[in-house]
Protein backbone atom coordinates (compact mmCIF):
# COMPACT_ATOMS: atom_id res chain seq x y z
CA MET A 1 91.93 70.43 -17.39
CA SER A 2 95.01 70.58 -19.57
CA GLN A 3 94.73 71.22 -23.26
CA VAL A 4 96.56 69.04 -25.80
CA SER A 5 98.79 71.03 -28.16
CA TYR A 6 100.09 69.73 -31.46
CA PHE A 7 103.65 70.37 -32.59
CA THR A 8 106.07 69.38 -35.28
CA GLU A 9 109.11 67.45 -34.07
CA GLU A 10 111.16 70.62 -34.59
CA GLY A 11 108.72 72.77 -32.61
CA LEU A 12 108.64 70.36 -29.66
CA LYS A 13 112.43 70.09 -29.71
CA LYS A 14 112.72 73.92 -29.45
CA LEU A 15 110.28 73.92 -26.55
CA LYS A 16 112.27 71.25 -24.69
CA GLU A 17 115.53 73.15 -25.34
CA GLU A 18 114.00 76.32 -23.88
CA LEU A 19 112.82 74.38 -20.82
CA HIS A 20 116.29 72.89 -20.36
CA GLN A 21 117.89 76.36 -20.66
CA LEU A 22 115.57 77.74 -17.98
CA GLU A 23 116.15 74.82 -15.59
CA ALA A 24 119.88 74.27 -16.13
CA VAL A 25 121.14 77.85 -16.63
CA GLU A 26 118.60 80.44 -15.50
CA ARG A 27 117.47 78.72 -12.29
CA PRO A 28 121.02 78.32 -10.85
CA SER A 29 121.85 81.89 -11.87
CA ILE A 30 118.91 83.30 -9.94
CA SER A 31 119.75 81.10 -6.94
CA ARG A 32 123.25 82.62 -6.93
CA GLN A 33 121.80 86.14 -7.11
CA ILE A 34 119.56 85.41 -4.12
CA ALA A 35 122.48 83.98 -2.14
CA GLU A 36 124.66 87.02 -2.93
CA ALA A 37 121.90 89.42 -1.96
CA ARG A 38 121.22 87.48 1.25
CA ASP A 39 124.91 87.76 2.19
CA LYS A 40 124.65 91.56 2.07
CA GLY A 41 122.73 91.70 5.31
CA ASP A 42 119.31 92.98 6.37
CA LEU A 43 116.73 91.39 4.03
CA SER A 44 113.94 93.77 5.02
CA GLU A 45 115.62 96.68 3.21
CA ASN A 46 117.46 94.74 0.50
CA ALA A 47 116.11 95.67 -2.94
CA GLU A 48 118.49 93.25 -4.69
CA TYR A 49 117.09 90.37 -2.65
CA ASP A 50 113.48 91.38 -3.39
CA ALA A 51 114.22 91.71 -7.12
CA ALA A 52 115.97 88.34 -7.24
CA LYS A 53 113.10 86.64 -5.37
CA GLU A 54 110.58 88.19 -7.77
CA ALA A 55 112.63 87.05 -10.78
CA GLN A 56 112.78 83.57 -9.26
CA GLY A 57 108.99 83.49 -8.91
CA LEU A 58 108.49 84.55 -12.53
CA LEU A 59 111.04 81.99 -13.74
CA GLU A 60 109.39 79.17 -11.78
CA LEU A 61 106.02 80.16 -13.23
CA LYS A 62 107.43 80.05 -16.76
CA ILE A 63 109.10 76.67 -16.10
CA SER A 64 105.84 75.31 -14.73
CA LYS A 65 103.86 76.45 -17.79
CA LEU A 66 106.46 75.04 -20.19
CA LYS A 67 106.49 71.69 -18.34
CA GLU A 68 102.71 71.50 -18.63
CA LEU A 69 102.86 72.39 -22.32
CA VAL A 70 105.53 69.74 -22.99
CA SER A 71 103.66 67.08 -21.01
CA ASN A 72 100.49 67.71 -23.04
CA ALA A 73 102.28 68.03 -26.39
CA ARG A 74 101.60 65.64 -29.23
CA ILE A 75 103.71 65.37 -32.35
CA LEU A 76 101.67 65.77 -35.48
CA ASP A 77 102.53 63.43 -38.36
CA GLU A 78 102.33 65.69 -41.41
CA LYS A 79 101.72 62.70 -43.69
CA GLN A 80 98.42 62.11 -41.86
CA ILE A 81 97.07 65.62 -42.52
CA ASP A 82 93.81 65.62 -44.44
CA THR A 83 94.09 68.30 -47.14
CA SER A 84 90.36 68.40 -47.89
CA LYS A 85 89.86 70.86 -45.00
CA VAL A 86 92.03 73.38 -43.18
CA PHE A 87 93.60 71.91 -40.03
CA ILE A 88 96.66 72.64 -37.92
CA ARG A 89 99.83 72.23 -40.06
CA SER A 90 97.87 72.94 -43.27
CA LYS A 91 99.51 75.24 -45.81
CA VAL A 92 96.67 77.48 -46.96
CA LYS A 93 96.57 79.92 -49.84
CA ILE A 94 93.84 82.51 -49.29
CA LYS A 95 92.48 85.55 -51.09
CA ASN A 96 91.35 88.69 -49.30
CA LEU A 97 88.07 89.42 -51.09
CA LYS A 98 88.15 93.12 -50.23
CA SER A 99 91.68 93.91 -51.46
CA ASN A 100 91.96 91.03 -53.96
CA SER A 101 95.39 90.16 -52.52
CA THR A 102 96.50 86.58 -51.98
CA MET A 103 98.65 85.24 -49.18
CA GLN A 104 99.86 81.88 -47.98
CA TYR A 105 100.15 80.69 -44.39
CA VAL A 106 100.89 77.53 -42.47
CA LEU A 107 98.64 77.09 -39.42
CA VAL A 108 100.68 76.13 -36.37
CA ALA A 109 100.50 76.00 -32.57
CA GLU A 110 100.73 79.34 -30.75
CA SER A 111 104.33 78.75 -29.69
CA GLU A 112 105.47 78.06 -33.28
CA ALA A 113 103.80 81.11 -34.85
CA ASN A 114 106.06 83.50 -36.75
CA ILE A 115 104.36 85.87 -39.18
CA LYS A 116 107.64 86.68 -40.96
CA GLU A 117 107.92 82.98 -41.88
CA GLY A 118 104.24 82.80 -42.86
CA ARG A 119 103.34 80.68 -39.82
CA ILE A 120 100.20 81.82 -38.03
CA SER A 121 98.62 80.44 -34.89
CA VAL A 122 95.46 78.38 -35.11
CA ASP A 123 94.33 80.55 -32.18
CA SER A 124 94.70 83.80 -34.15
CA PRO A 125 91.57 85.38 -35.66
CA ILE A 126 92.56 84.29 -39.19
CA GLY A 127 93.55 80.81 -38.00
CA LYS A 128 90.26 80.31 -36.15
CA GLY A 129 88.31 81.57 -39.15
CA LEU A 130 90.04 79.18 -41.56
CA LEU A 131 89.88 75.98 -39.48
CA GLY A 132 87.57 73.42 -41.05
CA LYS A 133 87.10 75.34 -44.32
CA LYS A 134 87.40 73.63 -47.72
CA VAL A 135 88.81 74.97 -51.00
CA GLY A 136 86.36 77.50 -52.42
CA GLU A 137 84.73 78.27 -49.07
CA LYS A 138 84.74 81.73 -47.62
CA ALA A 139 85.81 82.62 -44.09
CA GLU A 140 84.68 85.77 -42.34
CA VAL A 141 87.34 86.91 -39.90
CA LYS A 142 86.78 89.56 -37.27
CA THR A 143 89.87 91.72 -36.93
CA PRO A 144 90.49 94.91 -34.96
CA ALA A 145 90.01 96.82 -38.22
CA GLY A 146 86.64 95.18 -38.85
CA SER A 147 85.33 92.07 -40.56
CA VAL A 148 87.35 90.68 -43.49
CA GLN A 149 86.33 87.91 -45.89
CA PHE A 150 88.84 85.41 -47.23
CA GLU A 151 88.38 82.68 -49.81
CA VAL A 152 90.36 79.45 -49.47
CA LEU A 153 92.20 78.95 -52.78
CA SER A 154 94.26 75.85 -51.93
CA ILE A 155 95.20 73.55 -49.06
CA SER A 156 98.37 71.46 -48.94
CA ARG A 157 100.87 69.98 -46.50
């Protein structure tokens, strides 16, 4: 069963642009490479042909996954976000209770995550730990370095 993924309009647009790039540019390019390699003769000992066919298989797999993602995508209306709890698209200010440091993140879909921009996936350990929490609640997050406790300081859009 396919899983619904939520995106901003911008995030879904980027996904569709990537899909278009793969179908309109990459696919024809690989087809040309296969044709050129096929023209070189004996396919049983043609490494170029094998490499091009493998690249084609990987590309088709990626296109297939992107098509499924796009077909199950839903645009999230940010005005409808409930700020009483942490949900996808929430801007959350949290405090690491061990180090006393504060940080702010926006929870987004996996494909929109970018830690440098402060956008973390709802599927990440911190994202999963924060989902459903209210201001003042604590979230225990299991990380590779051990368990870390965070307190939710604020939630906004």
